[in-house]
Amino acid sequence: MNNDGTFSWSTRASDGESAASRFPNAEGIDVQNRILNFVSKAKKKLFTLDLKAMTWTETSTLSGAFNLEPDQLGRVAGDATALYFCEDGDRGADIHGRDTTGRFFTVVKNNGINDENTGLAFSPDGKFMYVAYQGNSEVFSFWREDGLPFDATVADIKYH
């Protein structure tokens, strides 16, 4: 990853820099439409690589209710409008979304499960979101009350 916002691939480890310094505690990965996203829990940053243009950007994941550590992330297949994040933390491991303008919103508010959520995935039709809670070995299925898929337009969304 070059300081000018470009990157290149190499087969030699000696060509690279330390991942521990650039993006420590890297978590989650999502690739869609030649855009690759992953997060750094320690820096609370989202890294976005454009695999066609060979460019990268780094943005903060701190936003209102989303102040713990970003963890797993994912998108509804075919949806380019929102990226969803699990949150690593013992008190309030919520699930948040981020739209294409960088605004965050909360999808699931954790009320009482003191555990790390992970394994974020969506059903093929986008109507169900699945999340695991590690310590209790529980998997939950979430759906929208209006019956629409998670990539559908939402009225009165509350951003933070």
Protein backbone atom coordinates (compact mmCIF):
# COMPACT_ATOMS: atom_id res chain seq x y z
CA MET A 1 0.00 0.00 0.00
CA ASN A 2 1.69 3.14 -1.21
CA ASN A 3 1.34 6.52 0.50
CA ASP A 4 -0.08 8.05 -2.71
CA GLY A 5 -3.25 5.95 -2.40
CA THR A 6 -2.20 3.23 -4.84
CA PHE A 7 -1.24 -0.36 -4.16
CA SER A 8 0.36 -3.28 -5.92
CA TRP A 9 0.48 -7.03 -5.42
CA SER A 10 3.70 -8.94 -4.89
CA THR A 11 4.69 -12.54 -4.28
CA ARG A 12 7.66 -11.51 -2.09
CA ALA A 13 7.00 -10.68 1.55
CA SER A 14 10.07 -8.44 1.58
CA ASP A 15 8.33 -6.05 -0.86
CA GLY A 16 5.55 -5.26 1.59
CA GLU A 17 5.24 -3.30 4.76
CA SER A 18 4.19 -4.51 8.17
CA ALA A 19 0.46 -5.18 8.30
CA ALA A 20 0.75 -4.81 12.07
CA SER A 21 1.66 -1.14 11.66
CA ARG A 22 -0.68 -0.21 8.78
CA PHE A 23 -3.81 -2.16 9.79
CA PRO A 24 -3.35 -4.01 13.10
CA ASN A 25 -5.95 -6.59 14.09
CA ALA A 26 -7.38 -6.83 10.57
CA GLU A 27 -10.86 -8.39 10.60
CA GLY A 28 -13.57 -9.24 8.13
CA ILE A 29 -13.36 -8.98 4.39
CA ASP A 30 -15.92 -8.29 1.71
CA VAL A 31 -15.41 -8.14 -2.04
CA GLN A 32 -18.08 -7.00 -4.44
CA ASN A 33 -17.90 -5.35 -7.87
CA ARG A 34 -14.08 -5.27 -7.64
CA ILE A 35 -14.17 -3.32 -4.35
CA LEU A 36 -12.50 -5.03 -1.40
CA ASN A 37 -13.23 -3.88 2.16
CA PHE A 38 -11.68 -4.90 5.47
CA VAL A 39 -11.33 -3.28 8.90
CA SER A 40 -8.63 -2.70 11.48
CA LYS A 41 -10.08 -3.26 14.95
CA ALA A 42 -7.17 -1.54 16.67
CA LYS A 43 -7.26 1.61 14.53
CA LYS A 44 -11.06 1.60 14.06
CA LYS A 45 -10.57 2.09 10.33
CA LEU A 46 -12.22 0.77 7.18
CA PHE A 47 -9.83 0.06 4.30
CA THR A 48 -11.33 0.07 0.81
CA LEU A 49 -9.32 -1.21 -2.15
CA ASP A 50 -10.49 -0.62 -5.70
CA LEU A 51 -9.13 -3.74 -7.40
CA LYS A 52 -9.61 -2.32 -10.90
CA ALA A 53 -8.05 1.12 -10.35
CA MET A 54 -5.46 -0.31 -7.89
CA THR A 55 -6.20 2.46 -5.37
CA TRP A 56 -7.04 2.41 -1.67
CA THR A 57 -8.64 4.65 0.94
CA GLU A 58 -8.79 4.55 4.72
CA THR A 59 -11.77 5.96 6.65
CA SER A 60 -12.81 5.99 10.29
CA THR A 61 -15.47 3.67 11.66
CA LEU A 62 -16.10 5.86 14.72
CA SER A 63 -19.60 7.24 14.49
CA GLY A 64 -22.05 7.83 17.29
CA ALA A 65 -23.26 4.46 18.53
CA PHE A 66 -20.55 2.58 16.64
CA ASN A 67 -17.60 3.29 18.92
CA LEU A 68 -16.30 -0.13 19.86
CA GLU A 69 -14.19 -2.28 17.57
CA PRO A 70 -15.36 -3.04 14.02
CA ASP A 71 -15.19 -6.75 13.36
CA GLN A 72 -16.80 -8.90 10.67
CA LEU A 73 -18.41 -7.14 7.75
CA GLY A 74 -20.52 -8.02 4.75
CA ARG A 75 -23.00 -6.95 2.09
CA VAL A 76 -26.22 -8.32 0.74
CA ALA A 77 -25.24 -10.01 -2.55
CA GLY A 78 -25.53 -7.56 -5.42
CA ASP A 79 -26.11 -4.55 -3.14
CA ALA A 80 -23.66 -1.69 -3.41
CA THR A 81 -25.58 0.70 -1.14
CA ALA A 82 -24.67 -0.52 2.36
CA LEU A 83 -21.84 -2.31 4.11
CA TYR A 84 -22.79 -4.01 7.38
CA PHE A 85 -20.48 -4.32 10.41
CA CYS A 86 -20.45 -6.52 13.47
CA GLU A 87 -19.01 -4.88 16.57
CA ASP A 88 -16.50 -6.58 18.84
CA GLY A 89 -17.19 -5.80 22.46
CA ASP A 90 -18.56 -7.17 25.66
CA ARG A 91 -21.10 -4.39 26.23
CA GLY A 92 -23.12 -3.59 23.17
CA ALA A 93 -21.85 -5.70 20.31
CA ASP A 94 -24.36 -4.18 17.92
CA ILE A 95 -24.69 -4.53 14.15
CA HIS A 96 -24.37 -1.37 12.09
CA GLY A 97 -24.56 -0.35 8.47
CA ARG A 98 -22.74 2.31 6.47
CA ASP A 99 -24.19 3.80 3.30
CA THR A 100 -22.24 4.96 0.25
CA THR A 101 -21.95 8.50 1.64
CA GLY A 102 -20.22 7.22 4.80
CA ARG A 103 -23.17 7.66 7.16
CA PHE A 104 -23.68 4.96 9.82
CA PHE A 105 -26.94 3.51 11.12
CA THR A 106 -27.73 0.79 13.64
CA VAL A 107 -29.44 -2.35 12.34
CA VAL A 108 -29.53 -4.48 15.50
CA LYS A 109 -29.14 -3.05 19.01
CA ASN A 110 -27.67 -5.61 21.38
CA ASN A 111 -29.75 -5.70 24.52
CA GLY A 112 -28.23 -8.03 27.06
CA ILE A 113 -25.96 -10.40 25.14
CA ASN A 114 -22.47 -9.75 26.48
CA ASP A 115 -20.52 -11.46 23.75
CA GLU A 116 -18.69 -10.85 20.49
CA ASN A 117 -20.82 -11.13 17.38
CA THR A 118 -19.27 -12.50 14.21
CA GLY A 119 -19.97 -14.52 11.07
CA LEU A 120 -22.24 -11.93 9.48
CA ALA A 121 -24.04 -13.37 6.43
CA PHE A 122 -27.19 -12.79 4.41
CA SER A 123 -29.64 -15.19 2.76
CA PRO A 124 -29.53 -15.29 -1.07
CA ASP A 125 -32.71 -13.19 -1.29
CA GLY A 126 -31.35 -10.65 1.23
CA LYS A 127 -34.34 -11.03 3.56
CA PHE A 128 -32.46 -12.69 6.42
CA MET A 129 -29.30 -11.63 8.21
CA TYR A 130 -27.42 -14.23 10.25
CA VAL A 131 -24.99 -13.48 13.08
CA ALA A 132 -23.20 -15.75 15.53
CA TYR A 133 -22.32 -14.90 19.13
CA GLN A 134 -19.05 -16.65 19.92
CA GLY A 135 -19.04 -17.26 23.67
CA ASN A 136 -22.52 -18.74 23.84
CA SER A 137 -22.23 -20.56 20.50
CA GLU A 138 -25.53 -19.05 19.38
CA VAL A 139 -26.60 -18.13 15.86
CA PHE A 140 -29.41 -15.62 15.33
CA SER A 141 -31.53 -14.87 12.29
CA PHE A 142 -32.82 -11.32 11.83
CA TRP A 143 -35.37 -9.96 9.36
CA ARG A 144 -37.08 -6.67 8.68
CA GLU A 145 -40.56 -6.15 10.13
CA ASP A 146 -41.75 -4.84 6.75
CA GLY A 147 -40.70 -8.10 5.04
CA LEU A 148 -38.36 -6.33 2.61
CA PRO A 149 -34.77 -7.42 2.01
CA PHE A 150 -31.94 -5.64 3.80
CA ASP A 151 -30.92 -3.89 0.57
CA ALA A 152 -34.35 -2.25 0.14
CA THR A 153 -35.01 1.42 0.80
CA VAL A 154 -35.70 2.26 4.41
CA ALA A 155 -37.98 5.10 5.46
CA ASP A 156 -37.04 7.23 8.48
CA ILE A 157 -33.61 5.70 8.95
CA LYS A 158 -31.81 7.13 11.98
CA TYR A 159 -28.18 7.86 11.21
CA HIS A 160 -25.52 8.49 13.84
